[in-house]
Protein backbone atom coordinates (compact mmCIF):
# COMPACT_ATOMS: atom_id res chain seq x y z
CA MET A 1 -17.43 -0.89 7.40
CA GLN A 2 -13.58 -1.26 7.21
CA ILE A 3 -11.57 1.50 5.41
CA PRO A 4 -8.27 0.49 3.62
CA LEU A 5 -5.13 1.79 5.26
CA PHE A 6 -3.01 1.42 2.14
CA ILE A 7 -4.01 2.23 -1.37
CA ARG A 8 -1.62 1.47 -4.32
CA PHE A 9 -2.05 3.00 -7.84
CA LEU A 10 -0.98 0.41 -10.35
CA SER A 11 0.70 1.97 -13.48
CA LYS A 12 -0.46 -1.27 -15.15
CA LEU A 13 -2.78 -4.09 -14.07
CA SER A 14 -2.00 -7.71 -15.34
CA THR A 15 -4.84 -10.28 -15.53
CA THR A 16 -4.58 -14.13 -15.75
CA THR A 17 -6.03 -15.79 -19.12
CA THR A 18 -9.54 -15.83 -17.32
CA TYR A 19 -9.33 -12.29 -16.53
CA LYS A 20 -8.60 -12.66 -12.80
CA ILE A 21 -6.21 -10.19 -11.20
CA PRO A 22 -3.09 -12.11 -9.58
CA LYS A 23 -3.08 -10.75 -6.05
CA SER A 24 -0.33 -13.05 -4.83
CA ASN A 25 2.46 -10.57 -5.89
CA MET A 26 0.76 -7.68 -4.53
CA LYS A 27 0.50 -9.50 -1.18
CA LYS A 28 4.14 -10.25 -1.24
CA ILE A 29 5.03 -6.52 -1.88
CA GLY A 30 2.62 -5.22 0.74
CA PHE A 31 3.38 -1.68 1.52
CA ASP A 32 7.11 -1.78 0.86
CA ILE A 33 7.92 1.04 -1.28
CA SER A 34 11.39 -0.30 -2.08
CA LYS A 35 9.79 -3.09 -3.67
CA THR A 36 7.50 -1.21 -6.22
CA GLU A 37 7.64 2.12 -8.19
CA ASP A 38 3.72 2.48 -7.82
CA PRO A 39 2.75 5.21 -5.49
CA ILE A 40 1.40 3.97 -2.09
CA PHE A 41 -1.08 6.18 0.05
CA VAL A 42 -1.53 5.59 3.63
CA LEU A 43 -4.36 6.52 5.94
CA LEU A 44 -2.45 7.21 9.11
CA PRO A 45 -4.19 7.04 12.51
CA GLY A 46 -6.16 10.16 13.46
CA SER A 47 -6.05 11.37 9.88
CA SER A 48 -8.94 11.72 7.56
CA GLU A 49 -6.87 12.05 4.28
CA TYR A 50 -4.44 9.68 2.54
CA ILE A 51 -1.11 10.88 2.17
CA LEU A 52 1.86 9.53 -0.04
CA LEU A 53 3.70 6.87 1.70
CA THR A 54 7.40 8.12 2.07
CA GLU A 55 10.41 6.25 3.27
CA GLU A 56 10.23 8.07 6.64
CA ILE A 57 6.57 7.04 7.10
CA HIS A 58 7.21 3.55 6.04
CA SER A 59 10.18 3.26 8.66
CA ASN A 60 7.78 4.67 11.22
CA ILE A 61 5.22 2.21 10.55
CA VAL A 62 7.72 -0.80 10.65
CA ASN A 63 9.10 0.64 13.93
CA LYS A 64 5.63 0.80 15.30
CA LYS A 65 5.67 4.59 15.85
CA TYR A 66 2.17 4.54 14.50
CA ARG A 67 -0.68 2.23 15.95
CA PHE A 68 -3.29 0.99 13.49
């Protein structure tokens, strides 16, 4: 079983006319907190709790200071 590393809580969930969730924009944003105002939570290696993704943590992830 895989556990998601990042969880984003959307303030509003848009759907297509056929009630599908358009995921392409969410994939483009990824976990970049500068591209969204929605809170993103991360499960850091060795942790058992999700924490709010901050600029510092985001920078550390991008600079590979955490190993996923």
